[in-house]
């Protein structure tokens, strides 16, 4: 079962979202972005934090159903490969 991102990820909810993901670490191998509509670069911070946690256990995050805007944002910040977009 994947971890489903909410429709909005901004500075207002990013810290709580990161904590929620870490509490459900087993679901982080697949992060579903299909509901993601309203977001800023904060979502990248959350995804990278989760990726770092998984990499420490030789596991990887798989981000699925990423909106094009998220892929572009990851490219601008140079983290596309880290999140599996490149």
PDB file of N, CA and C in Angstrom:
ATOM      1  N   UNK A   1       0.846  -1.182   0.000  1.00  0.00           N
ATOM      2  CA  UNK A   1       0.000   0.000   0.000  1.00  0.00           C
ATOM      3  C   UNK A   1       0.891   1.244   0.000  1.00  0.00           C
ATOM      4  N   UNK A   2       0.689   2.132  -0.973  1.00  0.00           N
ATOM      5  CA  UNK A   2       1.529   3.340  -1.049  1.00  0.00           C
ATOM      6  C   UNK A   2       1.127   4.394  -0.024  1.00  0.00           C
ATOM      7  N   UNK A   3       2.048   5.317   0.201  1.00  0.00           N
ATOM      8  CA  UNK A   3       1.760   6.488   1.026  1.00  0.00           C
ATOM      9  C   UNK A   3       1.161   7.531   0.092  1.00  0.00           C
ATOM     10  N   UNK A   4      -0.033   7.990   0.362  1.00  0.00           N
ATOM     11  CA  UNK A   4      -0.732   8.940  -0.490  1.00  0.00           C
ATOM     12  C   UNK A   4      -0.500  10.359   0.015  1.00  0.00           C
ATOM     13  N   UNK A   5       0.128  11.176  -0.822  1.00  0.00           N
ATOM     14  CA  UNK A   5       0.309  12.583  -0.467  1.00  0.00           C
ATOM     15  C   UNK A   5      -1.043  13.285  -0.514  1.00  0.00           C
ATOM     16  N   UNK A   6      -1.239  14.274   0.357  1.00  0.00           N
ATOM     17  CA  UNK A   6      -2.489  15.042   0.302  1.00  0.00           C
ATOM     18  C   UNK A   6      -2.511  15.961  -0.910  1.00  0.00           C
ATOM     19  N   UNK A   7      -3.617  16.624  -1.131  1.00  0.00           N
ATOM     20  CA  UNK A   7      -3.735  17.513  -2.280  1.00  0.00           C
ATOM     21  C   UNK A   7      -2.891  18.772  -2.119  1.00  0.00           C
ATOM     22  N   UNK A   8      -2.568  19.134  -0.885  1.00  0.00           N
ATOM     23  CA  UNK A   8      -1.787  20.345  -0.629  1.00  0.00           C
ATOM     24  C   UNK A   8      -0.580  20.014   0.240  1.00  0.00           C
ATOM     25  N   UNK A   9       0.599  20.417  -0.222  1.00  0.00           N
ATOM     26  CA  UNK A   9       1.826  20.284   0.566  1.00  0.00           C
ATOM     27  C   UNK A   9       2.572  21.608   0.472  1.00  0.00           C
ATOM     28  N   UNK A  10       2.543  22.347   1.566  1.00  0.00           N
ATOM     29  CA  UNK A  10       3.237  23.627   1.655  1.00  0.00           C
ATOM     30  C   UNK A  10       3.904  23.708   3.021  1.00  0.00           C
ATOM     31  N   UNK A  11       4.490  24.838   3.315  1.00  0.00           N
ATOM     32  CA  UNK A  11       5.149  25.025   4.610  1.00  0.00           C
ATOM     33  C   UNK A  11       4.189  24.803   5.764  1.00  0.00           C
ATOM     34  N   UNK A  12       2.921  25.034   5.533  1.00  0.00           N
ATOM     35  CA  UNK A  12       1.915  24.896   6.593  1.00  0.00           C
ATOM     36  C   UNK A  12       1.768  23.468   7.098  1.00  0.00           C
ATOM     37  N   UNK A  13       1.933  22.484   6.232  1.00  0.00           N
ATOM     38  CA  UNK A  13       1.710  21.103   6.665  1.00  0.00           C
ATOM     39  C   UNK A  13       2.904  20.178   6.432  1.00  0.00           C
ATOM     40  N   UNK A  14       4.001  20.700   5.951  1.00  0.00           N
ATOM     41  CA  UNK A  14       5.138  19.847   5.577  1.00  0.00           C
ATOM     42  C   UNK A  14       5.754  19.112   6.762  1.00  0.00           C
ATOM     43  N   UNK A  15       5.929  19.785   7.875  1.00  0.00           N
ATOM     44  CA  UNK A  15       6.562  19.139   9.034  1.00  0.00           C
ATOM     45  C   UNK A  15       5.701  17.983   9.527  1.00  0.00           C
ATOM     46  N   UNK A  16       4.405  18.204   9.623  1.00  0.00           N
ATOM     47  CA  UNK A  16       3.514  17.137  10.077  1.00  0.00           C
ATOM     48  C   UNK A  16       3.474  15.991   9.063  1.00  0.00           C
ATOM     49  N   UNK A  17       3.467  16.333   7.785  1.00  0.00           N
ATOM     50  CA  UNK A  17       3.453  15.308   6.740  1.00  0.00           C
ATOM     51  C   UNK A  17       4.711  14.453   6.803  1.00  0.00           C
ATOM     52  N   UNK A  18       5.854  15.095   6.995  1.00  0.00           N
ATOM     53  CA  UNK A  18       7.104  14.343   7.107  1.00  0.00           C
ATOM     54  C   UNK A  18       7.044  13.374   8.282  1.00  0.00           C
ATOM     55  N   UNK A  19       6.548  13.840   9.407  1.00  0.00           N
ATOM     56  CA  UNK A  19       6.411  12.980  10.596  1.00  0.00           C
ATOM     57  C   UNK A  19       5.450  11.822  10.319  1.00  0.00           C
ATOM     58  N   UNK A  20       4.326  12.126   9.684  1.00  0.00           N
ATOM     59  CA  UNK A  20       3.350  11.080   9.363  1.00  0.00           C
ATOM     60  C   UNK A  20       3.976  10.004   8.481  1.00  0.00           C
ATOM     61  N   UNK A  21       4.747  10.428   7.507  1.00  0.00           N
ATOM     62  CA  UNK A  21       5.411   9.466   6.631  1.00  0.00           C
ATOM     63  C   UNK A  21       6.391   8.597   7.380  1.00  0.00           C
ATOM     64  N   UNK A  22       7.156   9.202   8.274  1.00  0.00           N
ATOM     65  CA  UNK A  22       8.140   8.433   9.041  1.00  0.00           C
ATOM     66  C   UNK A  22       7.468   7.472  10.013  1.00  0.00           C
ATOM     67  N   UNK A  23       6.273   7.814  10.475  1.00  0.00           N
ATOM     68  CA  UNK A  23       5.522   6.895  11.336  1.00  0.00           C
ATOM     69  C   UNK A  23       4.979   5.714  10.541  1.00  0.00           C
ATOM     70  N   UNK A  24       4.807   5.911   9.248  1.00  0.00           N
ATOM     71  CA  UNK A  24       4.317   4.861   8.349  1.00  0.00           C
ATOM     72  C   UNK A  24       5.405   4.477   7.357  1.00  0.00           C
ATOM     73  N   UNK A  25       6.597   4.331   7.861  1.00  0.00           N
ATOM     74  CA  UNK A  25       7.778   4.134   7.017  1.00  0.00           C
ATOM     75  C   UNK A  25       7.635   2.980   6.032  1.00  0.00           C
ATOM     76  N   UNK A  26       6.930   1.948   6.409  1.00  0.00           N
ATOM     77  CA  UNK A  26       6.777   0.792   5.526  1.00  0.00           C
ATOM     78  C   UNK A  26       6.068   1.167   4.227  1.00  0.00           C
ATOM     79  N   UNK A  27       5.256   2.217   4.241  1.00  0.00           N
ATOM     80  CA  UNK A  27       4.526   2.617   3.035  1.00  0.00           C
ATOM     81  C   UNK A  27       5.325   3.562   2.150  1.00  0.00           C
ATOM     82  N   UNK A  28       6.471   4.035   2.632  1.00  0.00           N
ATOM     83  CA  UNK A  28       7.226   5.041   1.894  1.00  0.00           C
ATOM     84  C   UNK A  28       7.977   4.506   0.683  1.00  0.00           C
ATOM     85  N   UNK A  29       8.020   3.206   0.509  1.00  0.00           N
ATOM     86  CA  UNK A  29       8.710   2.686  -0.672  1.00  0.00           C
ATOM     87  C   UNK A  29       7.993   3.155  -1.941  1.00  0.00           C
ATOM     88  N   UNK A  30       6.691   3.435  -1.833  1.00  0.00           N
ATOM     89  CA  UNK A  30       5.942   4.020  -2.940  1.00  0.00           C
ATOM     90  C   UNK A  30       5.132   5.199  -2.415  1.00  0.00           C
ATOM     91  N   UNK A  31       5.394   6.367  -2.978  1.00  0.00           N
ATOM     92  CA  UNK A  31       4.668   7.576  -2.602  1.00  0.00           C
ATOM     93  C   UNK A  31       3.818   7.996  -3.797  1.00  0.00           C
ATOM     94  N   UNK A  32       2.522   8.011  -3.596  1.00  0.00           N
ATOM     95  CA  UNK A  32       1.568   8.318  -4.659  1.00  0.00           C
ATOM     96  C   UNK A  32       1.212   9.811  -4.614  1.00  0.00           C
ATOM     97  N   UNK A  33       1.472  10.490  -5.713  1.00  0.00           N
ATOM     98  CA  UNK A  33       1.216  11.934  -5.803  1.00  0.00           C
ATOM     99  C   UNK A  33      -0.056  12.250  -6.582  1.00  0.00           C
ATOM    100  N   UNK A  34      -0.906  11.276  -6.805  1.00  0.00           N
ATOM    101  CA  UNK A  34      -2.067  11.498  -7.671  1.00  0.00           C
ATOM    102  C   UNK A  34      -3.019  12.561  -7.145  1.00  0.00           C
ATOM    103  N   UNK A  35      -3.064  12.789  -5.834  1.00  0.00           N
ATOM    104  CA  UNK A  35      -3.951  13.813  -5.272  1.00  0.00           C
ATOM    105  C   UNK A  35      -3.288  15.186  -5.198  1.00  0.00           C
ATOM    106  N   UNK A  36      -1.993  15.253  -5.429  1.00  0.00           N
ATOM    107  CA  UNK A  36      -1.223  16.476  -5.243  1.00  0.00           C
ATOM    108  C   UNK A  36      -1.594  17.548  -6.279  1.00  0.00           C
ATOM    109  N   UNK A  37      -2.089  18.684  -5.782  1.00  0.00           N
ATOM    110  CA  UNK A  37      -2.508  19.776  -6.656  1.00  0.00           C
ATOM    111  C   UNK A  37      -1.809  21.078  -6.278  1.00  0.00           C
ATOM    112  N   UNK A  38      -1.863  21.415  -5.013  1.00  0.00           N
ATOM    113  CA  UNK A  38      -1.333  22.692  -4.503  1.00  0.00           C
ATOM    114  C   UNK A  38      -0.054  22.408  -3.722  1.00  0.00           C
ATOM    115  N   UNK A  39       1.101  22.806  -4.278  1.00  0.00           N
ATOM    116  CA  UNK A  39       2.361  22.512  -3.608  1.00  0.00           C
ATOM    117  C   UNK A  39       3.430  23.511  -4.020  1.00  0.00           C
ATOM    118  N   UNK A  40       4.474  23.534  -3.221  1.00  0.00           N
ATOM    119  CA  UNK A  40       5.645  24.348  -3.526  1.00  0.00           C
ATOM    120  C   UNK A  40       6.881  23.480  -3.310  1.00  0.00           C
ATOM    121  N   UNK A  41       8.041  24.075  -3.289  1.00  0.00           N
ATOM    122  CA  UNK A  41       9.277  23.299  -3.162  1.00  0.00           C
ATOM    123  C   UNK A  41       9.375  22.549  -1.833  1.00  0.00           C
ATOM    124  N   UNK A  42       8.529  22.889  -0.893  1.00  0.00           N
ATOM    125  CA  UNK A  42       8.520  22.190   0.390  1.00  0.00           C
ATOM    126  C   UNK A  42       8.270  20.695   0.206  1.00  0.00           C
ATOM    127  N   UNK A  43       7.493  20.334  -0.785  1.00  0.00           N
ATOM    128  CA  UNK A  43       7.217  18.917  -1.018  1.00  0.00           C
ATOM    129  C   UNK A  43       8.511  18.167  -1.340  1.00  0.00           C
ATOM    130  N   UNK A  44       9.440  18.829  -2.009  1.00  0.00           N
ATOM    131  CA  UNK A  44      10.730  18.190  -2.297  1.00  0.00           C
ATOM    132  C   UNK A  44      11.502  17.918  -1.012  1.00  0.00           C
ATOM    133  N   UNK A  45      11.434  18.841  -0.076  1.00  0.00           N
ATOM    134  CA  UNK A  45      12.102  18.658   1.220  1.00  0.00           C
ATOM    135  C   UNK A  45      11.576  17.413   1.917  1.00  0.00           C
ATOM    136  N   UNK A  46      10.271  17.246   1.885  1.00  0.00           N
ATOM    137  CA  UNK A  46       9.651  16.081   2.526  1.00  0.00           C
ATOM    138  C   UNK A  46      10.080  14.792   1.819  1.00  0.00           C
ATOM    139  N   UNK A  47       9.990  14.774   0.506  1.00  0.00           N
ATOM    140  CA  UNK A  47      10.363  13.574  -0.251  1.00  0.00           C
ATOM    141  C   UNK A  47      11.835  13.214  -0.054  1.00  0.00           C
ATOM    142  N   UNK A  48      12.699  14.214  -0.026  1.00  0.00           N
ATOM    143  CA  UNK A  48      14.129  13.956   0.168  1.00  0.00           C
ATOM    144  C   UNK A  48      14.402  13.441   1.574  1.00  0.00           C
ATOM    145  N   UNK A  49      13.700  13.966   2.559  1.00  0.00           N
ATOM    146  CA  UNK A  49      13.871  13.471   3.938  1.00  0.00           C
ATOM    147  C   UNK A  49      13.475  12.000   4.021  1.00  0.00           C
ATOM    148  N   UNK A  50      12.384  11.657   3.361  1.00  0.00           N
ATOM    149  CA  UNK A  50      11.968  10.248   3.352  1.00  0.00           C
ATOM    150  C   UNK A  50      12.975   9.389   2.599  1.00  0.00           C
ATOM    151  N   UNK A  51      13.462   9.881   1.478  1.00  0.00           N
ATOM    152  CA  UNK A  51      14.457   9.143   0.693  1.00  0.00           C
ATOM    153  C   UNK A  51      15.707   8.893   1.527  1.00  0.00           C
ATOM    154  N   UNK A  52      16.151   9.907   2.248  1.00  0.00           N
ATOM    155  CA  UNK A  52      17.345   9.777   3.092  1.00  0.00           C
ATOM    156  C   UNK A  52      17.138   8.690   4.144  1.00  0.00           C
ATOM    157  N   UNK A  53      15.968   8.657   4.746  1.00  0.00           N
ATOM    158  CA  UNK A  53      15.657   7.644   5.765  1.00  0.00           C
ATOM    159  C   UNK A  53      15.693   6.242   5.150  1.00  0.00           C
ATOM    160  N   UNK A  54      15.113   6.098   3.974  1.00  0.00           N
ATOM    161  CA  UNK A  54      15.100   4.782   3.322  1.00  0.00           C
ATOM    162  C   UNK A  54      16.493   4.366   2.854  1.00  0.00           C
ATOM    163  N   UNK A  55      17.263   5.311   2.323  1.00  0.00           N
ATOM    164  CA  UNK A  55      18.607   4.987   1.854  1.00  0.00           C
ATOM    165  C   UNK A  55      19.487   4.462   2.985  1.00  0.00           C
ATOM    166  N   UNK A  56      19.259   4.927   4.193  1.00  0.00           N
ATOM    167  CA  UNK A  56      20.021   4.444   5.344  1.00  0.00           C
ATOM    168  C   UNK A  56      19.785   2.957   5.576  1.00  0.00           C
ATOM    169  N   UNK A  57      18.700   2.436   5.008  1.00  0.00           N
ATOM    170  CA  UNK A  57      18.359   1.008   5.131  1.00  0.00           C
ATOM    171  C   UNK A  57      18.499   0.287   3.790  1.00  0.00           C
ATOM    172  N   UNK A  58      19.241   0.896   2.864  1.00  0.00           N
ATOM    173  CA  UNK A  58      19.420   0.351   1.516  1.00  0.00           C
ATOM    174  C   UNK A  58      18.096   0.127   0.795  1.00  0.00           C
ATOM    175  N   UNK A  59      17.166   1.035   1.021  1.00  0.00           N
ATOM    176  CA  UNK A  59      15.878   1.001   0.336  1.00  0.00           C
ATOM    177  C   UNK A  59      15.726   2.303  -0.439  1.00  0.00           C
ATOM    178  N   UNK A  60      14.783   2.322  -1.349  1.00  0.00           N
ATOM    179  CA  UNK A  60      14.593   3.497  -2.199  1.00  0.00           C
ATOM    180  C   UNK A  60      13.136   3.900  -2.248  1.00  0.00           C
ATOM    181  N   UNK A  61      12.936   5.190  -2.428  1.00  0.00           N
ATOM    182  CA  UNK A  61      11.587   5.717  -2.574  1.00  0.00           C
ATOM    183  C   UNK A  61      11.206   5.659  -4.057  1.00  0.00           C
ATOM    184  N   UNK A  62       9.970   5.363  -4.306  1.00  0.00           N
ATOM    185  CA  UNK A  62       9.440   5.397  -5.668  1.00  0.00           C
ATOM    186  C   UNK A  62       8.275   6.374  -5.662  1.00  0.00           C
ATOM    187  N   UNK A  63       8.416   7.453  -6.401  1.00  0.00           N
ATOM    188  CA  UNK A  63       7.376   8.470  -6.476  1.00  0.00           C
ATOM    189  C   UNK A  63       6.564   8.201  -7.736  1.00  0.00           C
ATOM    190  N   UNK A  64       5.270   7.948  -7.558  1.00  0.00           N
ATOM    191  CA  UNK A  64       4.407   7.622  -8.697  1.00  0.00           C
ATOM    192  C   UNK A  64       3.331   8.697  -8.864  1.00  0.00           C
ATOM    193  N   UNK A  65       2.840   8.804 -10.076  1.00  0.00           N
ATOM    194  CA  UNK A  65       1.779   9.758 -10.413  1.00  0.00           C
ATOM    195  C   UNK A  65       2.166  11.205 -10.092  1.00  0.00           C
ATOM    196  N   UNK A  66       3.429  11.516 -10.302  1.00  0.00           N
ATOM    197  CA  UNK A  66       3.918  12.868 -10.024  1.00  0.00           C
ATOM    198  C   UNK A  66       3.422  13.832 -11.093  1.00  0.00           C
ATOM    199  N   UNK A  67       2.861  14.959 -10.670  1.00  0.00           N
ATOM    200  CA  UNK A  67       2.454  15.954 -11.662  1.00  0.00           C
ATOM    201  C   UNK A  67       3.678  16.541 -12.369  1.00  0.00           C
ATOM    202  N   UNK A  68       3.491  16.984 -13.577  1.00  0.00           N
ATOM    203  CA  UNK A  68       4.602  17.530 -14.364  1.00  0.00           C
ATOM    204  C   UNK A  68       5.301  18.674 -13.624  1.00  0.00           C
ATOM    205  N   UNK A  69       4.522  19.504 -12.939  1.00  0.00           N
ATOM    206  CA  UNK A  69       5.099  20.623 -12.196  1.00  0.00           C
ATOM    207  C   UNK A  69       6.092  20.137 -11.137  1.00  0.00           C
ATOM    208  N   UNK A  70       5.804  19.017 -10.513  1.00  0.00           N
ATOM    209  CA  UNK A  70       6.716  18.461  -9.503  1.00  0.00           C
ATOM    210  C   UNK A  70       8.004  17.988 -10.159  1.00  0.00           C
ATOM    211  N   UNK A  71       7.896  17.357 -11.310  1.00  0.00           N
ATOM    212  CA  UNK A  71       9.085  16.899 -12.036  1.00  0.00           C
ATOM    213  C   UNK A  71       9.960  18.077 -12.459  1.00  0.00           C
ATOM    214  N   UNK A  72       9.316  19.140 -12.925  1.00  0.00           N
ATOM    215  CA  UNK A  72      10.058  20.339 -13.330  1.00  0.00           C
ATOM    216  C   UNK A  72      10.745  20.957 -12.118  1.00  0.00           C
ATOM    217  N   UNK A  73      10.025  21.055 -11.015  1.00  0.00           N
ATOM    218  CA  UNK A  73      10.582  21.619  -9.791  1.00  0.00           C
ATOM    219  C   UNK A  73      11.782  20.807  -9.314  1.00  0.00           C
ATOM    220  N   UNK A  74      11.671  19.490  -9.373  1.00  0.00           N
ATOM    221  CA  UNK A  74      12.784  18.623  -8.976  1.00  0.00           C
ATOM    222  C   UNK A  74      13.989  18.859  -9.890  1.00  0.00           C
ATOM    223  N   UNK A  75      13.735  19.095 -11.171  1.00  0.00           N
ATOM    224  CA  UNK A  75      14.818  19.388 -12.104  1.00  0.00           C
ATOM    225  C   UNK A  75      15.509  20.705 -11.791  1.00  0.00           C
ATOM    226  N   UNK A  76      14.718  21.712 -11.469  1.00  0.00           N
ATOM    227  CA  UNK A  76      15.270  23.025 -11.126  1.00  0.00           C
ATOM    228  C   UNK A  76      16.172  22.917  -9.901  1.00  0.00           C
ATOM    229  N   UNK A  77      15.773  22.108  -8.933  1.00  0.00           N
ATOM    230  CA  UNK A  77      16.544  21.953  -7.699  1.00  0.00           C
ATOM    231  C   UNK A  77      17.621  20.866  -7.804  1.00  0.00           C
ATOM    232  N   UNK A  78      17.686  20.186  -8.933  1.00  0.00           N
ATOM    233  CA  UNK A  78      18.738  19.202  -9.153  1.00  0.00           C
ATOM    234  C   UNK A  78      18.549  17.893  -8.390  1.00  0.00           C
ATOM    235  N   UNK A  79      17.310  17.540  -8.094  1.00  0.00           N
ATOM    236  CA  UNK A  79      17.060  16.312  -7.329  1.00  0.00           C
ATOM    237  C   UNK A  79      16.223  15.293  -8.106  1.00  0.00           C
ATOM    238  N   UNK A  80      16.110  15.479  -9.405  1.00  0.00           N
ATOM    239  CA  UNK A  80      15.307  14.566 -10.213  1.00  0.00           C
ATOM    240  C   UNK A  80      15.759  13.114 -10.086  1.00  0.00           C
ATOM    241  N   UNK A  81      17.048  12.882 -10.231  1.00  0.00           N
ATOM    242  CA  UNK A  81      17.578  11.513 -10.163  1.00  0.00           C
ATOM    243  C   UNK A  81      17.364  10.913  -8.781  1.00  0.00           C
ATOM    244  N   UNK A  82      17.526  11.711  -7.747  1.00  0.00           N
ATOM    245  CA  UNK A  82      17.356  11.222  -6.379  1.00  0.00           C
ATOM    246  C   UNK A  82      15.927  10.725  -6.149  1.00  0.00           C
ATOM    247  N   UNK A  83      14.972  11.357  -6.821  1.00  0.00           N
ATOM    248  CA  UNK A  83      13.581  10.974  -6.642  1.00  0.00           C
ATOM    249  C   UNK A  83      13.072  10.067  -7.755  1.00  0.00           C
ATOM    250  N   UNK A  84      13.961   9.660  -8.634  1.00  0.00           N
ATOM    251  CA  UNK A  84      13.589   8.708  -9.684  1.00  0.00           C
ATOM    252  C   UNK A  84      12.866   9.335 -10.862  1.00  0.00           C
ATOM    253  N   UNK A  85      13.017  10.634 -11.069  1.00  0.00           N
ATOM    254  CA  UNK A  85      12.353  11.295 -12.190  1.00  0.00           C
ATOM    255  C   UNK A  85      13.243  11.327 -13.435  1.00  0.00           C
ATOM    256  N   UNK A  86      14.512  11.014 -13.296  1.00  0.00           N
ATOM    257  CA  UNK A  86      15.413  11.109 -14.446  1.00  0.00           C
ATOM    258  C   UNK A  86      15.978   9.753 -14.806  1.00  0.00           C
TER     259      UNK A  86
END
